[in-house]
């Protein structure tokens, strides 16, 4: 009997500790009864992993929050469930490399972003074949290349990291 009571007390302590550390799991629903969003909140602020859904029930986006701001890696989907884009957030702002998809689910272009704007290189694709590269500074295009040889001549490939 004492072992059983100890197990129950430990279980309650673990669940209370887990809930205190991670917060409360929230779900929000559309008027049609389908799930709109689900994820963790702590003191009313979004934290940890979240999922959002289109009104048809398909996943629209997923990723992590910290203090109500997007962080880490996020995925975005259209109403049919196809990838639209994916990439990194830092303190709620798009940063680093982002992938953008065409209507067939293939990568259309990859871009380096900083503070939510193109800043660095964008690589454009058609049917998964590299067609051109562009360079941006603070959202403005400064150069474009249509051959890998000319791109390589004028740039340091380590900048693509």
Protein backbone atom coordinates (compact mmCIF):
# COMPACT_ATOMS: atom_id res chain seq x y z
CA UNK A 1 0.00 0.00 0.00
CA UNK A 2 2.86 2.37 0.84
CA UNK A 3 4.52 1.71 -2.53
CA UNK A 4 1.28 2.44 -4.37
CA UNK A 5 0.81 5.70 -2.43
CA UNK A 6 4.43 6.70 -3.13
CA UNK A 7 3.90 6.05 -6.87
CA UNK A 8 0.74 8.19 -6.89
CA UNK A 9 2.50 11.03 -5.05
CA UNK A 10 5.49 10.87 -7.43
CA UNK A 11 3.17 10.85 -10.45
CA UNK A 12 1.24 13.87 -9.18
CA UNK A 13 4.52 15.68 -8.40
CA UNK A 14 5.88 14.90 -11.91
CA UNK A 15 2.69 16.08 -13.66
CA UNK A 16 2.55 19.27 -11.58
CA UNK A 17 6.24 19.93 -12.27
CA UNK A 18 5.80 19.22 -16.01
CA UNK A 19 2.77 21.51 -16.23
CA UNK A 20 4.53 24.26 -14.27
CA UNK A 21 7.57 24.03 -16.52
CA UNK A 22 5.74 23.74 -19.87
CA UNK A 23 2.56 25.65 -19.16
CA UNK A 24 -0.91 24.75 -20.36
CA UNK A 25 -1.82 23.00 -23.59
CA UNK A 26 -4.38 25.13 -25.48
CA UNK A 27 -6.72 24.32 -28.36
CA UNK A 28 -8.76 26.81 -30.36
CA UNK A 29 -11.55 25.84 -32.79
CA UNK A 30 -13.17 27.39 -35.85
CA UNK A 31 -16.93 28.02 -35.85
CA UNK A 32 -17.28 24.84 -37.95
CA UNK A 33 -15.86 22.84 -35.02
CA UNK A 34 -12.53 22.04 -36.66
CA UNK A 35 -9.28 22.64 -34.85
CA UNK A 36 -7.79 26.09 -35.57
CA UNK A 37 -4.63 25.94 -33.42
CA UNK A 38 -3.02 23.99 -30.65
CA UNK A 39 0.03 24.50 -28.51
CA UNK A 40 1.50 25.53 -25.21
CA UNK A 41 0.94 28.75 -23.29
CA UNK A 42 2.52 29.92 -20.10
CA UNK A 43 0.85 32.84 -18.32
CA UNK A 44 -1.20 33.45 -21.47
CA UNK A 45 1.88 33.66 -23.73
CA UNK A 46 2.62 31.19 -26.56
CA UNK A 47 5.65 29.01 -25.81
CA UNK A 48 7.13 25.79 -27.19
CA UNK A 49 5.61 23.88 -30.13
CA UNK A 50 2.44 25.07 -31.94
CA UNK A 51 0.34 23.92 -34.90
CA UNK A 52 -2.17 26.00 -36.88
CA UNK A 53 -4.80 24.65 -39.27
CA UNK A 54 -6.78 25.84 -42.29
CA UNK A 55 -10.62 25.84 -41.93
CA UNK A 56 -10.67 22.59 -43.97
CA UNK A 57 -8.64 20.86 -41.23
CA UNK A 58 -5.32 20.69 -43.11
CA UNK A 59 -2.17 21.86 -41.34
CA UNK A 60 -1.26 25.46 -42.26
CA UNK A 61 1.88 26.07 -40.19
CA UNK A 62 3.93 24.58 -37.39
CA UNK A 63 6.86 25.64 -35.27
CA UNK A 64 8.06 26.94 -31.93
CA UNK A 65 7.34 30.06 -29.93
CA UNK A 66 9.20 31.82 -27.18
CA UNK A 67 7.45 34.71 -25.42
CA UNK A 68 4.76 34.91 -28.15
CA UNK A 69 7.42 35.20 -30.90
CA UNK A 70 8.28 32.61 -33.53
CA UNK A 71 11.67 30.98 -33.09
CA UNK A 72 13.62 28.11 -34.62
CA UNK A 73 12.43 26.33 -37.79
CA UNK A 74 8.87 26.77 -39.17
CA UNK A 75 6.90 25.05 -41.96
CA UNK A 76 3.99 26.60 -43.89
CA UNK A 77 1.45 24.69 -46.04
CA UNK A 78 -1.35 25.57 -48.46
CA UNK A 79 -4.97 24.40 -48.04
CA UNK A 80 -4.17 21.14 -49.85
CA UNK A 81 -1.29 20.34 -47.49
CA UNK A 82 1.53 21.18 -49.92
CA UNK A 83 4.61 22.98 -48.64
CA UNK A 84 4.61 26.74 -49.33
CA UNK A 85 7.75 27.76 -47.47
CA UNK A 86 9.97 26.85 -44.54
CA UNK A 87 12.76 28.49 -42.67
CA UNK A 88 14.23 29.99 -39.54
CA UNK A 89 12.85 32.58 -37.16
CA UNK A 90 14.73 34.48 -34.54
CA UNK A 91 12.73 36.54 -32.05
CA UNK A 92 9.73 36.58 -34.40
CA UNK A 93 11.64 37.62 -37.53
CA UNK A 94 12.55 35.53 -40.58
CA UNK A 95 16.30 34.95 -40.75
CA UNK A 96 18.92 32.70 -42.35
CA UNK A 97 17.99 30.40 -45.26
CA UNK A 98 14.35 30.02 -46.37
CA UNK A 99 12.96 27.57 -48.92
CA UNK A 100 10.00 28.54 -51.13
CA UNK A 101 8.00 25.94 -53.06
CA UNK A 102 6.09 25.99 -56.35
CA UNK A 103 2.56 24.61 -56.84
CA UNK A 104 4.00 21.13 -57.49
CA UNK A 105 5.78 21.05 -54.14
CA UNK A 106 9.25 21.54 -55.62
CA UNK A 107 11.72 24.13 -54.37
CA UNK A 108 11.23 27.30 -56.43
CA UNK A 109 13.90 29.38 -54.72
CA UNK A 110 16.09 29.50 -51.61
CA UNK A 111 16.95 32.83 -50.05
CA UNK A 112 19.04 34.17 -47.21
CA UNK A 113 17.01 36.52 -45.05
CA UNK A 114 17.89 38.97 -42.32
CA UNK A 115 15.30 40.92 -40.33
CA UNK A 116 12.60 39.48 -42.60
CA UNK A 117 14.16 40.82 -45.82
CA UNK A 118 16.24 39.19 -48.53
CA UNK A 119 19.83 39.81 -47.56
CA UNK A 120 22.49 37.68 -49.18
CA UNK A 121 21.85 35.16 -51.93
CA UNK A 122 18.71 33.81 -53.60
CA UNK A 123 19.03 30.70 -55.70
CA UNK A 124 16.23 30.17 -58.25
CA UNK A 125 15.14 26.76 -59.54
CA UNK A 126 12.94 25.37 -62.29
CA UNK A 127 12.06 21.67 -62.04
CA UNK A 128 14.75 21.28 -59.39
CA UNK A 129 17.45 22.69 -61.70
CA UNK A 130 19.32 25.84 -60.67
CA UNK A 131 18.51 28.58 -63.21
CA UNK A 132 19.98 31.72 -61.64
CA UNK A 133 21.39 33.33 -58.52
CA UNK A 134 20.69 36.78 -57.15
CA UNK A 135 22.36 38.85 -54.46
CA UNK A 136 20.38 41.15 -52.17
CA UNK A 137 21.26 43.81 -49.66
CA UNK A 138 18.54 44.79 -47.21
CA UNK A 139 15.75 43.65 -49.56
CA UNK A 140 17.13 45.21 -52.77
CA UNK A 141 18.58 43.16 -55.61
CA UNK A 142 22.14 44.20 -56.39
CA UNK A 143 23.23 41.52 -58.88
CA UNK A 144 21.99 38.48 -60.82
CA UNK A 145 23.88 35.60 -62.45
CA UNK A 146 22.62 33.12 -65.03
CA UNK A 147 25.70 30.88 -65.14
CA UNK A 148 27.39 29.07 -62.30
CA UNK A 149 30.82 29.89 -63.73
CA UNK A 150 30.24 33.66 -63.58
CA UNK A 151 28.70 33.37 -60.12
CA UNK A 152 31.68 31.36 -58.88
CA UNK A 153 34.13 33.85 -60.40
CA UNK A 154 32.58 36.79 -58.58
CA UNK A 155 31.63 35.19 -55.24
CA UNK A 156 33.02 33.16 -52.42
CA UNK A 157 31.01 29.92 -52.22
CA UNK A 158 31.48 29.83 -48.43
CA UNK A 159 29.06 32.81 -48.33
CA UNK A 160 26.30 30.32 -49.17
CA UNK A 161 26.56 28.76 -45.70
